[in-house]
Amino acid sequence: MIPITIISGFLGAGKTTYLQHILNCRNTNERILIIENDFGETSLDAKQLSASGATVREVTSGCICCSLQGNFKNALIDILSTQDIDQIYIEPSGVSKLSEILYTCDDDDVTSKAYISMIITIVDAMQAPMAIKNFGPFFKDQIKHCYAILLTHVEDEKQVEKTKQLIVELAPHTPIYTDIDALQQDIHQLKSNTHKAHEHDSETCSCHTCNDSEDYNGAHHDNHSHHDHDCHHHDHQPFVTHTFHNLQSLDDTQWIDFCNNLPSTILRVKGIIPTASGPMELQYTPQSCAITATHLNDYHLVVIGTEIDISSINEKVCSAS
């Protein structure tokens, strides 16, 4: 049986950074495959992880529920049937519900060959209050269904404590870490404790994984049994995305100014941008903006939000041609 580790978390929390840490510390003889279920037409995260030497399978889609019901499930089954691997890591999109990932992994064609070994949710301590206020169903679902939580952006101690309190209210028994190495040191014990706790009949279980989300039980299946594939009408799909190409070469200050002046409807921007200094990687959330050098030169900009003014952004960052 192949163990599956799921790395969940809201937009920009640091899921890919955590996966890169795992790859850098891994046993080089271990055959690892990563499934990137990204929201949009292209996956910067997949390119970054591939550059780290990992085998990456991309599952990109403009609609989370369709990708989970179709492309993601089919990709997972195909991998289990054709790939000779020791471990699978799944990095879902930041705007997906963890319970839906678990539902897909609970398919008989998956459980006959693999099992969920670990579920970690990455939480940006600075972003958490905003995420739980504006996108509660997604954030709460990711918190309630994991085995451990890793906080990132923990520089502000008061904000960290506030975020911890929010998490404890949702999942009082889930361990919270602020240090990635401490989490990795405990990972085997966490797996052991979790598997012991779940060696029981889910019908009599009182734990949050089995009972707190109707999405992971029969209600989820009922909701999708007559799926009309017009997923933009789903109440749980408030997000849109657009990928911009043919980017202008701007200096770092201009790119940062562009990000800092984005409307509140924009939640995430990432991509490879052209500058006078060469290709740079841009990572933006409403709480932070960073530009770093990269060897990648596939210029593109992925924008995710609840509403995107495509023409306005196009005028600011794309060439006229």
C-alpha atoms as a PDB file:
ATOM      1  CA  MET A   1       0.000   0.000   0.000  1.00  0.00           C
ATOM      2  CA  ILE A   2       1.291   3.421  -0.971  1.00  0.00           C
ATOM      3  CA  PRO A   3       1.086   6.162   1.701  1.00  0.00           C
ATOM      4  CA  ILE A   4      -0.496   9.474   0.707  1.00  0.00           C
ATOM      5  CA  THR A   5       0.319  12.756   2.423  1.00  0.00           C
ATOM      6  CA  ILE A   6      -1.988  15.704   1.756  1.00  0.00           C
ATOM      7  CA  ILE A   7      -0.654  19.252   2.167  1.00  0.00           C
ATOM      8  CA  SER A   8      -3.640  21.593   2.410  1.00  0.00           C
ATOM      9  CA  GLY A   9      -3.927  25.322   3.058  1.00  0.00           C
ATOM     10  CA  PHE A  10      -5.521  28.531   1.835  1.00  0.00           C
ATOM     11  CA  LEU A  11      -4.102  30.701  -0.949  1.00  0.00           C
ATOM     12  CA  GLY A  12      -0.494  31.729  -0.326  1.00  0.00           C
ATOM     13  CA  ALA A  13      -0.135  29.930   3.007  1.00  0.00           C
ATOM     14  CA  GLY A  14       3.139  28.221   2.041  1.00  0.00           C
ATOM     15  CA  LYS A  15       2.196  24.714   0.869  1.00  0.00           C
ATOM     16  CA  THR A  16       4.811  24.580  -1.892  1.00  0.00           C
ATOM     17  CA  THR A  17       7.527  25.923   0.413  1.00  0.00           C
ATOM     18  CA  TYR A  18       6.757  23.121   2.866  1.00  0.00           C
ATOM     19  CA  LEU A  19       6.884  20.526   0.092  1.00  0.00           C
ATOM     20  CA  GLN A  20      10.230  21.875  -1.091  1.00  0.00           C
ATOM     21  CA  HIS A  21      11.543  21.480   2.457  1.00  0.00           C
ATOM     22  CA  ILE A  22      10.419  17.845   2.442  1.00  0.00           C
ATOM     23  CA  LEU A  23      12.118  17.245  -0.893  1.00  0.00           C
ATOM     24  CA  ASN A  24      15.382  18.782   0.304  1.00  0.00           C
ATOM     25  CA  CYS A  25      15.396  16.541   3.393  1.00  0.00           C
ATOM     26  CA  ARG A  26      14.161  13.330   1.788  1.00  0.00           C
ATOM     27  CA  ASN A  27      15.941  10.040   1.359  1.00  0.00           C
ATOM     28  CA  THR A  28      17.203  10.275  -2.211  1.00  0.00           C
ATOM     29  CA  ASN A  29      16.333   6.617  -2.787  1.00  0.00           C
ATOM     30  CA  GLU A  30      12.661   7.230  -2.014  1.00  0.00           C
ATOM     31  CA  ARG A  31      10.499   7.427  -5.126  1.00  0.00           C
ATOM     32  CA  ILE A  32       8.175  10.389  -4.536  1.00  0.00           C
ATOM     33  CA  LEU A  33       5.406  11.615  -6.792  1.00  0.00           C
ATOM     34  CA  ILE A  34       3.606  14.904  -6.224  1.00  0.00           C
ATOM     35  CA  ILE A  35       0.118  15.678  -7.499  1.00  0.00           C
ATOM     36  CA  GLU A  36      -0.453  19.402  -8.007  1.00  0.00           C
ATOM     37  CA  ASN A  37      -4.173  20.197  -8.152  1.00  0.00           C
ATOM     38  CA  ASP A  38      -3.922  23.858  -9.097  1.00  0.00           C
ATOM     39  CA  PHE A  39      -6.599  26.436  -9.853  1.00  0.00           C
ATOM     40  CA  GLY A  40      -5.929  27.885 -13.310  1.00  0.00           C
ATOM     41  CA  GLU A  41      -4.474  26.989 -16.663  1.00  0.00           C
ATOM     42  CA  THR A  42      -0.848  26.721 -15.555  1.00  0.00           C
ATOM     43  CA  SER A  43       0.936  25.716 -12.343  1.00  0.00           C
ATOM     44  CA  LEU A  44       3.960  27.667 -11.160  1.00  0.00           C
ATOM     45  CA  ASP A  45       4.119  25.400  -8.109  1.00  0.00           C
ATOM     46  CA  ALA A  46       4.492  22.327 -10.319  1.00  0.00           C
ATOM     47  CA  LYS A  47       7.366  23.955 -12.210  1.00  0.00           C
ATOM     48  CA  GLN A  48       9.122  24.837  -8.957  1.00  0.00           C
ATOM     49  CA  LEU A  49       8.763  21.333  -7.530  1.00  0.00           C
ATOM     50  CA  SER A  50       9.904  19.733 -10.781  1.00  0.00           C
ATOM     51  CA  ALA A  51      13.027  21.889 -10.614  1.00  0.00           C
ATOM     52  CA  SER A  52      13.700  20.344  -7.193  1.00  0.00           C
ATOM     53  CA  GLY A  53      13.978  16.930  -8.811  1.00  0.00           C
ATOM     54  CA  ALA A  54      10.540  15.586  -7.942  1.00  0.00           C
ATOM     55  CA  THR A  55       8.189  13.773 -10.281  1.00  0.00           C
ATOM     56  CA  VAL A  56       5.139  16.028 -10.555  1.00  0.00           C
ATOM     57  CA  ARG A  57       1.736  15.329 -12.054  1.00  0.00           C
ATOM     58  CA  GLU A  58      -0.257  18.489 -12.793  1.00  0.00           C
ATOM     59  CA  VAL A  59      -4.039  18.595 -12.516  1.00  0.00           C
ATOM     60  CA  THR A  60      -4.994  22.144 -13.416  1.00  0.00           C
ATOM     61  CA  SER A  61      -8.535  23.377 -13.820  1.00  0.00           C
ATOM     62  CA  GLY A  62     -10.603  26.525 -13.677  1.00  0.00           C
ATOM     63  CA  CYS A  63     -13.183  24.755 -11.519  1.00  0.00           C
ATOM     64  CA  ILE A  64     -12.274  22.910  -8.347  1.00  0.00           C
ATOM     65  CA  CYS A  65     -15.322  20.648  -8.098  1.00  0.00           C
ATOM     66  CA  CYS A  66     -14.971  19.456 -11.703  1.00  0.00           C
ATOM     67  CA  SER A  67     -11.265  18.736 -11.323  1.00  0.00           C
ATOM     68  CA  LEU A  68     -11.876  16.771  -8.139  1.00  0.00           C
ATOM     69  CA  GLN A  69     -14.704  14.712  -9.545  1.00  0.00           C
ATOM     70  CA  GLY A  70     -12.968  14.052 -12.847  1.00  0.00           C
ATOM     71  CA  ASN A  71      -9.364  14.947 -13.633  1.00  0.00           C
ATOM     72  CA  PHE A  72      -7.978  14.581 -10.113  1.00  0.00           C
ATOM     73  CA  LYS A  73      -9.558  11.215  -9.426  1.00  0.00           C
ATOM     74  CA  ASN A  74      -8.561   9.839 -12.819  1.00  0.00           C
ATOM     75  CA  ALA A  75      -4.997  11.094 -12.410  1.00  0.00           C
ATOM     76  CA  LEU A  76      -4.686   9.481  -8.979  1.00  0.00           C
ATOM     77  CA  ILE A  77      -6.039   6.139 -10.189  1.00  0.00           C
ATOM     78  CA  ASP A  78      -3.755   6.228 -13.234  1.00  0.00           C
ATOM     79  CA  ILE A  79      -0.722   6.950 -11.064  1.00  0.00           C
ATOM     80  CA  LEU A  80      -1.508   4.072  -8.715  1.00  0.00           C
ATOM     81  CA  SER A  81      -1.962   1.733 -11.667  1.00  0.00           C
ATOM     82  CA  THR A  82       1.101   2.692 -13.712  1.00  0.00           C
ATOM     83  CA  GLN A  83       3.752   4.302 -11.486  1.00  0.00           C
ATOM     84  CA  ASP A  84       6.290   2.438  -9.367  1.00  0.00           C
ATOM     85  CA  ILE A  85       6.511   4.806  -6.404  1.00  0.00           C
ATOM     86  CA  ASP A  86       6.997   4.762  -2.631  1.00  0.00           C
ATOM     87  CA  GLN A  87       5.097   7.874  -1.586  1.00  0.00           C
ATOM     88  CA  ILE A  88       2.492  10.306  -2.946  1.00  0.00           C
ATOM     89  CA  TYR A  89       2.154  13.926  -1.879  1.00  0.00           C
ATOM     90  CA  ILE A  90      -0.982  15.819  -2.858  1.00  0.00           C
ATOM     91  CA  GLU A  91      -0.993  19.622  -2.867  1.00  0.00           C
ATOM     92  CA  PRO A  92      -4.582  20.740  -3.458  1.00  0.00           C
ATOM     93  CA  SER A  93      -5.441  24.197  -4.668  1.00  0.00           C
ATOM     94  CA  GLY A  94      -5.692  26.805  -1.930  1.00  0.00           C
ATOM     95  CA  VAL A  95      -9.368  27.296  -2.786  1.00  0.00           C
ATOM     96  CA  SER A  96     -10.364  23.652  -2.559  1.00  0.00           C
ATOM     97  CA  LYS A  97     -12.113  21.971   0.340  1.00  0.00           C
ATOM     98  CA  LEU A  98      -9.977  19.359   2.059  1.00  0.00           C
ATOM     99  CA  SER A  99     -13.057  17.212   2.651  1.00  0.00           C
ATOM    100  CA  GLU A 100     -13.526  16.921  -1.124  1.00  0.00           C
ATOM    101  CA  ILE A 101      -9.944  15.714  -1.541  1.00  0.00           C
ATOM    102  CA  LEU A 102     -10.566  13.119   1.181  1.00  0.00           C
ATOM    103  CA  TYR A 103     -13.775  12.036  -0.499  1.00  0.00           C
ATOM    104  CA  THR A 104     -11.889  11.405  -3.745  1.00  0.00           C
ATOM    105  CA  CYS A 105      -9.140   9.494  -1.927  1.00  0.00           C
ATOM    106  CA  ASP A 106     -11.806   7.307  -0.315  1.00  0.00           C
ATOM    107  CA  ASP A 107     -12.786   5.854  -3.698  1.00  0.00           C
ATOM    108  CA  ASP A 108     -12.501   2.058  -3.815  1.00  0.00           C
ATOM    109  CA  ASP A 109     -10.088   2.197  -6.764  1.00  0.00           C
ATOM    110  CA  VAL A 110      -7.773   4.339  -4.619  1.00  0.00           C
ATOM    111  CA  THR A 111      -8.088   2.596  -1.246  1.00  0.00           C
ATOM    112  CA  SER A 112      -7.274  -0.776  -2.818  1.00  0.00           C
ATOM    113  CA  LYS A 113      -3.744   0.489  -3.539  1.00  0.00           C
ATOM    114  CA  ALA A 114      -3.096   3.446  -1.235  1.00  0.00           C
ATOM    115  CA  TYR A 115      -4.041   4.970   2.100  1.00  0.00           C
ATOM    116  CA  ILE A 116      -3.946   8.441   3.651  1.00  0.00           C
ATOM    117  CA  SER A 117      -0.911   8.521   5.892  1.00  0.00           C
ATOM    118  CA  MET A 118      -0.834  12.186   6.907  1.00  0.00           C
ATOM    119  CA  ILE A 119      -2.855  15.381   6.409  1.00  0.00           C
ATOM    120  CA  ILE A 120      -1.205  18.707   7.160  1.00  0.00           C
ATOM    121  CA  THR A 121      -2.824  22.112   6.779  1.00  0.00           C
ATOM    122  CA  ILE A 122      -0.571  25.141   6.357  1.00  0.00           C
ATOM    123  CA  VAL A 123      -2.012  28.346   7.844  1.00  0.00           C
ATOM    124  CA  ASP A 124      -0.698  31.864   7.244  1.00  0.00           C
ATOM    125  CA  ALA A 125      -0.985  33.386  10.721  1.00  0.00           C
ATOM    126  CA  MET A 126      -1.311  36.885   9.291  1.00  0.00           C
ATOM    127  CA  GLN A 127      -4.009  35.923   6.799  1.00  0.00           C
ATOM    128  CA  ALA A 128      -6.110  33.583   8.965  1.00  0.00           C
ATOM    129  CA  PRO A 129      -8.538  36.134  10.492  1.00  0.00           C
ATOM    130  CA  MET A 130      -9.367  37.502   7.029  1.00  0.00           C
ATOM    131  CA  ALA A 131      -9.710  34.017   5.554  1.00  0.00           C
ATOM    132  CA  ILE A 132     -12.032  32.737   8.245  1.00  0.00           C
ATOM    133  CA  LYS A 133     -14.173  35.897   8.089  1.00  0.00           C
ATOM    134  CA  ASN A 134     -14.550  36.101   4.306  1.00  0.00           C
ATOM    135  CA  PHE A 135     -14.094  32.471   3.216  1.00  0.00           C
ATOM    136  CA  GLY A 136     -15.100  30.516   6.300  1.00  0.00           C
ATOM    137  CA  PRO A 137     -16.384  27.338   4.603  1.00  0.00           C
ATOM    138  CA  PHE A 138     -13.039  26.765   2.866  1.00  0.00           C
ATOM    139  CA  PHE A 139     -10.792  27.757   5.756  1.00  0.00           C
ATOM    140  CA  LYS A 140     -12.775  25.868   8.395  1.00  0.00           C
ATOM    141  CA  ASP A 141     -12.947  22.756   6.229  1.00  0.00           C
ATOM    142  CA  GLN A 142      -9.163  22.729   5.796  1.00  0.00           C
ATOM    143  CA  ILE A 143      -8.664  23.095   9.554  1.00  0.00           C
ATOM    144  CA  LYS A 144     -11.221  20.513  10.681  1.00  0.00           C
ATOM    145  CA  HIS A 145     -10.009  17.660   8.478  1.00  0.00           C
ATOM    146  CA  CYS A 146      -6.252  17.687   9.040  1.00  0.00           C
ATOM    147  CA  TYR A 147      -4.045  15.774  11.477  1.00  0.00           C
ATOM    148  CA  ALA A 148      -1.614  18.653  12.168  1.00  0.00           C
ATOM    149  CA  ILE A 149      -1.336  22.389  11.479  1.00  0.00           C
ATOM    150  CA  LEU A 150       1.777  24.372  10.586  1.00  0.00           C
ATOM    151  CA  LEU A 151       1.650  28.149  11.022  1.00  0.00           C
ATOM    152  CA  THR A 152       3.661  30.350   8.663  1.00  0.00           C
ATOM    153  CA  HIS A 153       4.430  34.076   8.793  1.00  0.00           C
ATOM    154  CA  VAL A 154       4.732  33.924  12.570  1.00  0.00           C
ATOM    155  CA  GLU A 155       6.744  37.111  13.150  1.00  0.00           C
ATOM    156  CA  ASP A 156       3.905  38.894  14.977  1.00  0.00           C
ATOM    157  CA  GLU A 157       3.445  37.050  18.284  1.00  0.00           C
ATOM    158  CA  LYS A 158       0.077  38.642  19.070  1.00  0.00           C
ATOM    159  CA  GLN A 159      -1.253  37.699  15.652  1.00  0.00           C
ATOM    160  CA  VAL A 160       0.041  34.145  16.090  1.00  0.00           C
ATOM    161  CA  GLU A 161      -1.820  33.792  19.392  1.00  0.00           C
ATOM    162  CA  LYS A 162      -4.984  35.160  17.831  1.00  0.00           C
ATOM    163  CA  THR A 163      -4.724  32.657  14.982  1.00  0.00           C
ATOM    164  CA  LYS A 164      -4.076  29.801  17.400  1.00  0.00           C
ATOM    165  CA  GLN A 165      -7.245  30.704  19.312  1.00  0.00           C
ATOM    166  CA  LEU A 166      -9.267  30.652  16.084  1.00  0.00           C
ATOM    167  CA  ILE A 167      -7.866  27.230  15.222  1.00  0.00           C
ATOM    168  CA  VAL A 168      -8.435  25.760  18.677  1.00  0.00           C
ATOM    169  CA  GLU A 169     -12.099  26.752  18.479  1.00  0.00           C
ATOM    170  CA  LEU A 170     -12.405  24.758  15.253  1.00  0.00           C
ATOM    171  CA  ALA A 171     -10.160  21.789  16.064  1.00  0.00           C
ATOM    172  CA  PRO A 172      -9.284  21.695  19.778  1.00  0.00           C
ATOM    173  CA  HIS A 173      -7.347  18.432  19.604  1.00  0.00           C
ATOM    174  CA  THR A 174      -5.260  19.101  16.485  1.00  0.00           C
ATOM    175  CA  PRO A 175      -1.588  19.894  17.245  1.00  0.00           C
ATOM    176  CA  ILE A 176      -0.346  23.300  16.061  1.00  0.00           C
ATOM    177  CA  TYR A 177       3.267  23.929  15.061  1.00  0.00           C
ATOM    178  CA  THR A 178       5.131  27.146  14.347  1.00  0.00           C
ATOM    179  CA  ASP A 179       8.412  25.477  13.411  1.00  0.00           C
ATOM    180  CA  ILE A 180       8.743  23.247  10.357  1.00  0.00           C
ATOM    181  CA  ASP A 181      11.585  21.180  11.813  1.00  0.00           C
ATOM    182  CA  ALA A 182       9.616  20.482  14.995  1.00  0.00           C
ATOM    183  CA  LEU A 183       6.716  19.235  12.877  1.00  0.00           C
ATOM    184  CA  GLN A 184       9.002  16.970  10.867  1.00  0.00           C
ATOM    185  CA  GLN A 185      10.545  15.553  14.047  1.00  0.00           C
ATOM    186  CA  ASP A 186       7.085  14.599  15.297  1.00  0.00           C
ATOM    187  CA  ILE A 187       5.675  13.400  11.983  1.00  0.00           C
ATOM    188  CA  HIS A 188       6.070   9.665  12.591  1.00  0.00           C
ATOM    189  CA  GLN A 189       4.498   9.891  16.049  1.00  0.00           C
ATOM    190  CA  LEU A 190       1.648  11.983  14.647  1.00  0.00           C
ATOM    191  CA  LYS A 191       0.972   9.358  12.003  1.00  0.00           C
ATOM    192  CA  SER A 192       0.991   6.602  14.616  1.00  0.00           C
ATOM    193  CA  ASN A 193      -1.345   8.472  16.968  1.00  0.00           C
ATOM    194  CA  THR A 194      -3.746   9.352  14.178  1.00  0.00           C
ATOM    195  CA  HIS A 195      -3.999   5.846  12.802  1.00  0.00           C
ATOM    196  CA  LYS A 196      -4.606   4.398  16.281  1.00  0.00           C
ATOM    197  CA  ALA A 197      -7.324   6.961  16.917  1.00  0.00           C
ATOM    198  CA  HIS A 198      -9.103   6.031  13.692  1.00  0.00           C
ATOM    199  CA  GLU A 199      -9.089   2.262  14.126  1.00  0.00           C
ATOM    200  CA  HIS A 200     -12.794   2.247  14.940  1.00  0.00           C
ATOM    201  CA  ASP A 201     -16.204   2.326  13.332  1.00  0.00           C
ATOM    202  CA  SER A 202     -16.804   5.810  11.878  1.00  0.00           C
ATOM    203  CA  GLU A 203     -20.515   5.521  12.717  1.00  0.00           C
ATOM    204  CA  THR A 204     -19.697   5.592  16.430  1.00  0.00           C
ATOM    205  CA  CYS A 205     -16.820   8.025  16.083  1.00  0.00           C
ATOM    206  CA  SER A 206     -16.980  11.483  17.635  1.00  0.00           C
ATOM    207  CA  CYS A 207     -13.820  12.883  16.049  1.00  0.00           C
ATOM    208  CA  HIS A 208     -13.961  15.895  13.734  1.00  0.00           C
ATOM    209  CA  THR A 209     -12.638  14.023  10.705  1.00  0.00           C
ATOM    210  CA  CYS A 210     -15.557  11.614  10.698  1.00  0.00           C
ATOM    211  CA  ASN A 211     -18.410  13.875  11.718  1.00  0.00           C
ATOM    212  CA  ASP A 212     -17.863  17.611  11.358  1.00  0.00           C
ATOM    213  CA  SER A 213     -18.298  17.992   7.612  1.00  0.00           C
ATOM    214  CA  GLU A 214     -21.322  16.896   5.668  1.00  0.00           C
ATOM    215  CA  ASP A 215     -19.176  17.285   2.540  1.00  0.00           C
ATOM    216  CA  TYR A 216     -17.137  14.189   3.340  1.00  0.00           C
ATOM    217  CA  ASN A 217     -20.152  11.943   3.932  1.00  0.00           C
ATOM    218  CA  GLY A 218     -23.265  11.162   1.960  1.00  0.00           C
ATOM    219  CA  ALA A 219     -24.269  14.775   1.474  1.00  0.00           C
ATOM    220  CA  HIS A 220     -21.240  15.395  -0.698  1.00  0.00           C
ATOM    221  CA  HIS A 221     -22.067  12.477  -2.931  1.00  0.00           C
ATOM    222  CA  ASP A 222     -25.672  13.598  -3.237  1.00  0.00           C
ATOM    223  CA  ASN A 223     -24.618  17.097  -4.182  1.00  0.00           C
ATOM    224  CA  HIS A 224     -22.592  15.810  -7.103  1.00  0.00           C
ATOM    225  CA  SER A 225     -24.659  12.848  -8.229  1.00  0.00           C
ATOM    226  CA  HIS A 226     -26.562  15.062 -10.680  1.00  0.00           C
ATOM    227  CA  HIS A 227     -23.716  17.436 -11.494  1.00  0.00           C
ATOM    228  CA  ASP A 228     -24.619  19.708 -14.393  1.00  0.00           C
ATOM    229  CA  HIS A 229     -20.989  20.762 -15.029  1.00  0.00           C
ATOM    230  CA  ASP A 230     -21.947  24.437 -14.910  1.00  0.00           C
ATOM    231  CA  CYS A 231     -19.815  24.837 -11.812  1.00  0.00           C
ATOM    232  CA  HIS A 232     -19.797  28.607 -11.664  1.00  0.00           C
ATOM    233  CA  HIS A 233     -23.334  28.322 -10.269  1.00  0.00           C
ATOM    234  CA  HIS A 234     -22.170  26.344  -7.226  1.00  0.00           C
ATOM    235  CA  ASP A 235     -22.484  28.253  -3.979  1.00  0.00           C
ATOM    236  CA  HIS A 236     -19.126  26.923  -2.789  1.00  0.00           C
ATOM    237  CA  GLN A 237     -17.256  28.291  -5.829  1.00  0.00           C
ATOM    238  CA  PRO A 238     -16.809  32.056  -5.260  1.00  0.00           C
ATOM    239  CA  PHE A 239     -13.348  32.198  -6.861  1.00  0.00           C
ATOM    240  CA  VAL A 240     -12.222  33.078 -10.377  1.00  0.00           C
ATOM    241  CA  THR A 241      -8.788  32.997 -11.981  1.00  0.00           C
ATOM    242  CA  HIS A 242      -7.045  34.392 -15.038  1.00  0.00           C
ATOM    243  CA  THR A 243      -3.544  33.858 -16.394  1.00  0.00           C
ATOM    244  CA  PHE A 244      -1.860  36.808 -18.126  1.00  0.00           C
ATOM    245  CA  HIS A 245       0.781  36.298 -20.813  1.00  0.00           C
ATOM    246  CA  ASN A 246       2.842  38.631 -23.011  1.00  0.00           C
ATOM    247  CA  LEU A 247       3.990  40.554 -19.928  1.00  0.00           C
ATOM    248  CA  GLN A 248       5.823  43.867 -20.025  1.00  0.00           C
ATOM    249  CA  SER A 249       9.304  44.169 -18.556  1.00  0.00           C
ATOM    250  CA  LEU A 250       8.894  46.374 -15.483  1.00  0.00           C
ATOM    251  CA  ASP A 251      11.350  47.078 -12.694  1.00  0.00           C
ATOM    252  CA  ASP A 252      10.865  45.576  -9.247  1.00  0.00           C
ATOM    253  CA  THR A 253       9.360  48.745  -7.799  1.00  0.00           C
ATOM    254  CA  GLN A 254       6.770  48.937 -10.566  1.00  0.00           C
ATOM    255  CA  TRP A 255       5.705  45.328 -10.028  1.00  0.00           C
ATOM    256  CA  ILE A 256       5.413  45.871  -6.265  1.00  0.00           C
ATOM    257  CA  ASP A 257       3.398  49.060  -6.807  1.00  0.00           C
ATOM    258  CA  PHE A 258       1.109  47.155  -9.152  1.00  0.00           C
ATOM    259  CA  CYS A 259       0.477  44.514  -6.483  1.00  0.00           C
ATOM    260  CA  ASN A 260       0.025  46.982  -3.637  1.00  0.00           C
ATOM    261  CA  ASN A 261      -2.642  48.827  -5.623  1.00  0.00           C
ATOM    262  CA  LEU A 262      -4.713  45.765  -6.452  1.00  0.00           C
ATOM    263  CA  PRO A 263      -8.326  45.827  -5.227  1.00  0.00           C
ATOM    264  CA  SER A 264      -9.429  43.783  -2.221  1.00  0.00           C
ATOM    265  CA  THR A 265     -11.103  41.273  -4.546  1.00  0.00           C
ATOM    266  CA  ILE A 266      -7.659  39.964  -5.549  1.00  0.00           C
ATOM    267  CA  LEU A 267      -6.457  37.305  -3.102  1.00  0.00           C
ATOM    268  CA  ARG A 268      -3.437  35.794  -4.830  1.00  0.00           C
ATOM    269  CA  VAL A 269      -0.966  36.687  -7.581  1.00  0.00           C
ATOM    270  CA  LYS A 270       1.958  34.523  -8.587  1.00  0.00           C
ATOM    271  CA  GLY A 271       4.087  33.973 -11.627  1.00  0.00           C
ATOM    272  CA  ILE A 272       7.339  34.527 -13.492  1.00  0.00           C
ATOM    273  CA  ILE A 273       7.742  38.165 -14.509  1.00  0.00           C
ATOM    274  CA  PRO A 274      10.238  39.914 -16.816  1.00  0.00           C
ATOM    275  CA  THR A 275      12.394  42.674 -15.303  1.00  0.00           C
ATOM    276  CA  ALA A 276      15.524  44.591 -16.309  1.00  0.00           C
ATOM    277  CA  SER A 277      17.441  42.282 -13.961  1.00  0.00           C
ATOM    278  CA  GLY A 278      16.108  39.156 -15.651  1.00  0.00           C
ATOM    279  CA  PRO A 279      13.276  36.764 -14.789  1.00  0.00           C
ATOM    280  CA  MET A 280      11.839  37.084 -11.300  1.00  0.00           C
ATOM    281  CA  GLU A 281       9.301  35.093  -9.297  1.00  0.00           C
ATOM    282  CA  LEU A 282       6.423  37.171  -7.962  1.00  0.00           C
ATOM    283  CA  GLN A 283       4.425  36.002  -4.938  1.00  0.00           C
ATOM    284  CA  TYR A 284       1.606  38.176  -3.627  1.00  0.00           C
ATOM    285  CA  THR A 285      -1.156  37.949  -1.022  1.00  0.00           C
ATOM    286  CA  PRO A 286      -2.915  40.935   0.569  1.00  0.00           C
ATOM    287  CA  GLN A 287      -0.557  40.545   3.532  1.00  0.00           C
ATOM    288  CA  SER A 288       2.768  40.257   1.678  1.00  0.00           C
ATOM    289  CA  CYS A 289       4.542  40.768  -1.633  1.00  0.00           C
ATOM    290  CA  ALA A 290       7.898  39.270  -2.625  1.00  0.00           C
ATOM    291  CA  ILE A 291      10.016  39.258  -5.777  1.00  0.00           C
ATOM    292  CA  THR A 292      12.948  36.869  -6.004  1.00  0.00           C
ATOM    293  CA  ALA A 293      15.345  35.759  -8.721  1.00  0.00           C
ATOM    294  CA  THR A 294      14.536  32.539 -10.563  1.00  0.00           C
ATOM    295  CA  HIS A 295      16.008  30.395 -13.312  1.00  0.00           C
ATOM    296  CA  LEU A 296      12.536  29.879 -14.790  1.00  0.00           C
ATOM    297  CA  ASN A 297      11.651  32.047 -17.797  1.00  0.00           C
ATOM    298  CA  ASP A 298       8.143  30.961 -18.706  1.00  0.00           C
ATOM    299  CA  TYR A 299       6.652  34.409 -18.238  1.00  0.00           C
ATOM    300  CA  HIS A 300       3.087  34.412 -16.958  1.00  0.00           C
ATOM    301  CA  LEU A 301       1.023  35.874 -14.135  1.00  0.00           C
ATOM    302  CA  VAL A 302      -1.747  33.943 -12.380  1.00  0.00           C
ATOM    303  CA  VAL A 303      -4.352  36.056 -10.620  1.00  0.00           C
ATOM    304  CA  ILE A 304      -6.957  34.565  -8.274  1.00  0.00           C
ATOM    305  CA  GLY A 305      -9.778  36.406  -6.574  1.00  0.00           C
ATOM    306  CA  THR A 306     -13.493  36.823  -6.177  1.00  0.00           C
ATOM    307  CA  GLU A 307     -13.603  39.304  -9.061  1.00  0.00           C
ATOM    308  CA  ILE A 308     -10.922  40.171 -11.639  1.00  0.00           C
ATOM    309  CA  ASP A 309     -10.898  43.239 -13.901  1.00  0.00           C
ATOM    310  CA  ILE A 310      -9.008  41.542 -16.720  1.00  0.00           C
ATOM    311  CA  SER A 311      -8.828  44.573 -19.016  1.00  0.00           C
ATOM    312  CA  SER A 312      -7.461  46.822 -16.265  1.00  0.00           C
ATOM    313  CA  ILE A 313      -4.715  44.388 -15.281  1.00  0.00           C
ATOM    314  CA  ASN A 314      -3.945  43.693 -18.922  1.00  0.00           C
ATOM    315  CA  GLU A 315      -3.338  47.412 -19.554  1.00  0.00           C
ATOM    316  CA  LYS A 316      -0.979  47.655 -16.591  1.00  0.00           C
ATOM    317  CA  VAL A 317       1.252  44.596 -17.072  1.00  0.00           C
ATOM    318  CA  CYS A 318       0.842  43.279 -20.621  1.00  0.00           C
ATOM    319  CA  SER A 319       2.384  44.483 -23.867  1.00  0.00           C
ATOM    320  CA  ALA A 320       0.144  46.223 -26.374  1.00  0.00           C
ATOM    321  CA  SER A 321       0.825  43.759 -29.197  1.00  0.00           C
END
